[in-house]
């Protein structure tokens, strides 16, 4: 909202400052505004552009100056949709994942089983030490965390000690 306020100050004589955002891990927190445009022609269209790309932690403000030509409801909707799509097309989309760091301690003879499970879930080993036992530090996506723990238990015959 602070970006919106700054744009309103910068473009104080613009007719409309329509926006939409979606934030949070699950994208549950969202808001949109038509800022005086006919209902459903601006904010929902901008949010639709964000949703079509399945983005979160994303916000768009479209600043519109009235140029003297009335676009009509359909024209406005297309204009806001096109503006939001063009902005997102020009952006570099960055993928981020929530992870949990785990330390896995296991006997040497379970190394291939542990590697198999880690590979199966796409979990890279961040650090490894070989002492009396093997000690791996891994960063696991929350989306695969429960399955990884279950599979480690099954494949490694309950010999892996896991510390979070």
Protein backbone atom coordinates (compact mmCIF):
# COMPACT_ATOMS: atom_id res chain seq x y z
CA UNK A 1 0.00 0.00 0.00
CA UNK A 2 2.98 2.31 0.53
CA UNK A 3 3.88 1.87 -3.18
CA UNK A 4 0.32 2.82 -4.11
CA UNK A 5 0.50 5.91 -1.89
CA UNK A 6 3.82 6.93 -3.47
CA UNK A 7 2.37 6.50 -6.98
CA UNK A 8 -0.68 8.57 -6.04
CA UNK A 9 1.62 11.36 -4.86
CA UNK A 10 3.80 11.09 -7.97
CA UNK A 11 0.85 10.94 -10.38
CA UNK A 12 -1.46 13.22 -8.43
CA UNK A 13 -3.34 14.38 -11.52
CA UNK A 14 -4.01 10.87 -12.90
CA UNK A 15 -7.66 9.86 -13.12
CA UNK A 16 -7.31 6.36 -11.63
CA UNK A 17 -4.79 4.27 -9.67
CA UNK A 18 -6.19 0.74 -10.00
CA UNK A 19 -4.36 -2.10 -8.33
CA UNK A 20 -4.32 -5.72 -7.27
CA UNK A 21 -2.01 -7.79 -5.14
CA UNK A 22 -1.73 -11.34 -3.86
CA UNK A 23 0.71 -12.15 -1.04
CA UNK A 24 1.62 -14.97 1.33
CA UNK A 25 2.83 -18.53 0.96
CA UNK A 26 -0.60 -19.84 -0.05
CA UNK A 27 -1.63 -16.54 -1.69
CA UNK A 28 -4.61 -16.22 0.63
CA UNK A 29 -4.10 -12.50 1.23
CA UNK A 30 -5.27 -10.49 -1.78
CA UNK A 31 -6.97 -7.25 -2.60
CA UNK A 32 -7.97 -5.28 -5.66
CA UNK A 33 -9.51 -1.91 -6.42
CA UNK A 34 -11.19 -0.37 -9.46
CA UNK A 35 -10.55 3.11 -7.99
CA UNK A 36 -13.74 4.56 -9.45
CA UNK A 37 -13.72 2.66 -12.76
CA UNK A 38 -16.85 0.63 -13.57
CA UNK A 39 -17.03 -2.43 -11.31
CA UNK A 40 -14.95 -5.39 -12.48
CA UNK A 41 -13.11 -3.56 -15.26
CA UNK A 42 -9.79 -2.89 -13.53
CA UNK A 43 -8.82 -4.48 -10.21
CA UNK A 44 -10.26 -7.93 -10.94
CA UNK A 45 -8.59 -7.89 -14.36
CA UNK A 46 -5.22 -7.01 -12.84
CA UNK A 47 -5.64 -9.75 -10.21
CA UNK A 48 -6.57 -12.14 -13.03
CA UNK A 49 -3.21 -11.48 -14.71
CA UNK A 50 -1.43 -12.33 -11.45
CA UNK A 51 -3.53 -15.47 -10.96
CA UNK A 52 -3.05 -16.75 -14.53
CA UNK A 53 0.66 -16.98 -13.78
CA UNK A 54 -0.01 -18.49 -10.33
CA UNK A 55 2.05 -15.76 -8.64
CA UNK A 56 2.10 -14.62 -5.06
CA UNK A 57 3.98 -11.83 -3.31
CA UNK A 58 3.08 -9.75 -6.36
CA UNK A 59 1.34 -6.41 -6.76
CA UNK A 60 0.53 -4.24 -9.76
CA UNK A 61 -0.69 -0.65 -9.92
CA UNK A 62 -1.99 0.68 -13.24
CA UNK A 63 -2.01 4.48 -13.34
CA UNK A 64 -4.47 5.84 -15.93
CA UNK A 65 -4.85 9.34 -17.24
CA UNK A 66 -8.09 10.10 -19.05
CA UNK A 67 -7.19 11.08 -22.61
CA UNK A 68 -10.62 12.24 -23.74
CA UNK A 69 -11.76 9.03 -25.45
CA UNK A 70 -14.30 6.85 -23.65
CA UNK A 71 -13.30 3.19 -23.99
CA UNK A 72 -16.50 1.62 -22.69
CA UNK A 73 -16.64 -1.27 -20.22
CA UNK A 74 -15.12 -3.82 -22.62
CA UNK A 75 -12.37 -1.47 -23.74
CA UNK A 76 -11.45 -0.59 -20.15
CA UNK A 77 -11.34 -4.25 -19.16
CA UNK A 78 -9.06 -5.08 -22.11
CA UNK A 79 -6.83 -2.08 -21.41
CA UNK A 80 -6.29 -3.03 -17.76
CA UNK A 81 -5.81 -6.71 -18.61
CA UNK A 82 -3.31 -5.87 -21.35
CA UNK A 83 -1.40 -3.44 -19.12
CA UNK A 84 -1.06 -6.01 -16.32
CA UNK A 85 -0.08 -8.78 -18.76
CA UNK A 86 2.57 -6.59 -20.41
CA UNK A 87 4.07 -5.66 -17.05
CA UNK A 88 4.29 -9.30 -15.99
CA UNK A 89 5.72 -10.30 -19.38
CA UNK A 90 8.51 -7.78 -18.83
CA UNK A 91 9.29 -9.02 -15.31
CA UNK A 92 11.70 -11.72 -14.30
CA UNK A 93 9.67 -14.17 -12.24
CA UNK A 94 11.63 -15.49 -9.27
CA UNK A 95 10.71 -18.83 -7.75
CA UNK A 96 11.20 -19.21 -4.01
CA UNK A 97 10.35 -22.09 -1.73
CA UNK A 98 9.86 -22.33 1.99
CA UNK A 99 12.26 -24.90 3.37
CA UNK A 100 13.12 -26.57 6.63
CA UNK A 101 16.72 -27.48 7.49
CA UNK A 102 17.22 -31.03 8.66
CA UNK A 103 20.27 -32.89 9.93
CA UNK A 104 20.27 -36.57 9.01
CA UNK A 105 22.54 -38.95 10.92
CA UNK A 106 22.73 -42.53 9.67
CA UNK A 107 25.08 -45.53 9.43
CA UNK A 108 27.41 -45.83 6.44
CA UNK A 109 25.63 -48.89 5.09
CA UNK A 110 22.44 -46.82 4.59
CA UNK A 111 24.13 -44.20 2.37
CA UNK A 112 22.70 -45.48 -0.92
CA UNK A 113 19.18 -45.72 0.53
CA UNK A 114 19.37 -42.17 1.93
CA UNK A 115 20.69 -40.87 -1.41
CA UNK A 116 17.88 -42.67 -3.21
CA UNK A 117 15.22 -40.96 -1.07
CA UNK A 118 16.88 -37.54 -1.34
CA UNK A 119 17.12 -37.89 -5.14
CA UNK A 120 13.52 -39.10 -5.33
CA UNK A 121 12.34 -35.84 -3.71
CA UNK A 122 14.88 -33.53 -5.35
CA UNK A 123 16.56 -32.64 -2.06
CA UNK A 124 20.20 -31.54 -2.42
CA UNK A 125 22.73 -32.11 0.35
CA UNK A 126 23.91 -28.74 1.68
CA UNK A 127 26.67 -30.18 3.87
CA UNK A 128 28.01 -33.65 4.62
CA UNK A 129 30.38 -34.99 7.24
CA UNK A 130 31.67 -38.50 7.68
CA UNK A 131 32.48 -39.30 11.28
CA UNK A 132 31.38 -42.37 13.24
CA UNK A 133 28.17 -42.01 11.23
CA UNK A 134 27.25 -40.07 8.11
CA UNK A 135 25.84 -36.62 8.86
CA UNK A 136 24.00 -34.75 6.10
CA UNK A 137 22.46 -31.31 6.33
CA UNK A 138 19.61 -30.79 3.86
CA UNK A 139 17.10 -28.04 3.11
CA UNK A 140 13.73 -29.63 2.40
CA UNK A 141 10.80 -27.87 0.74
CA UNK A 142 7.82 -27.81 3.06
CA UNK A 143 5.71 -29.29 0.26
CA UNK A 144 7.73 -32.55 0.34
CA UNK A 145 8.78 -32.57 4.01
CA UNK A 146 6.24 -35.14 5.28
CA UNK A 147 6.77 -37.51 2.32
CA UNK A 148 10.55 -37.29 2.70
CA UNK A 149 10.37 -38.23 6.39
CA UNK A 150 8.05 -41.14 5.66
CA UNK A 151 10.24 -42.43 2.82
CA UNK A 152 13.45 -42.07 4.83
CA UNK A 153 11.85 -44.18 7.54
CA UNK A 154 10.73 -46.84 5.04
CA UNK A 155 13.78 -47.05 2.76
CA UNK A 156 16.45 -46.69 5.45
CA UNK A 157 14.76 -49.15 7.81
CA UNK A 158 14.32 -46.58 10.60
CA UNK A 159 18.08 -46.08 10.98
CA UNK A 160 18.11 -42.35 10.17
CA UNK A 161 18.08 -39.93 13.08
CA UNK A 162 16.52 -36.62 12.04
CA UNK A 163 17.07 -33.32 13.84
CA UNK A 164 15.18 -30.20 12.77
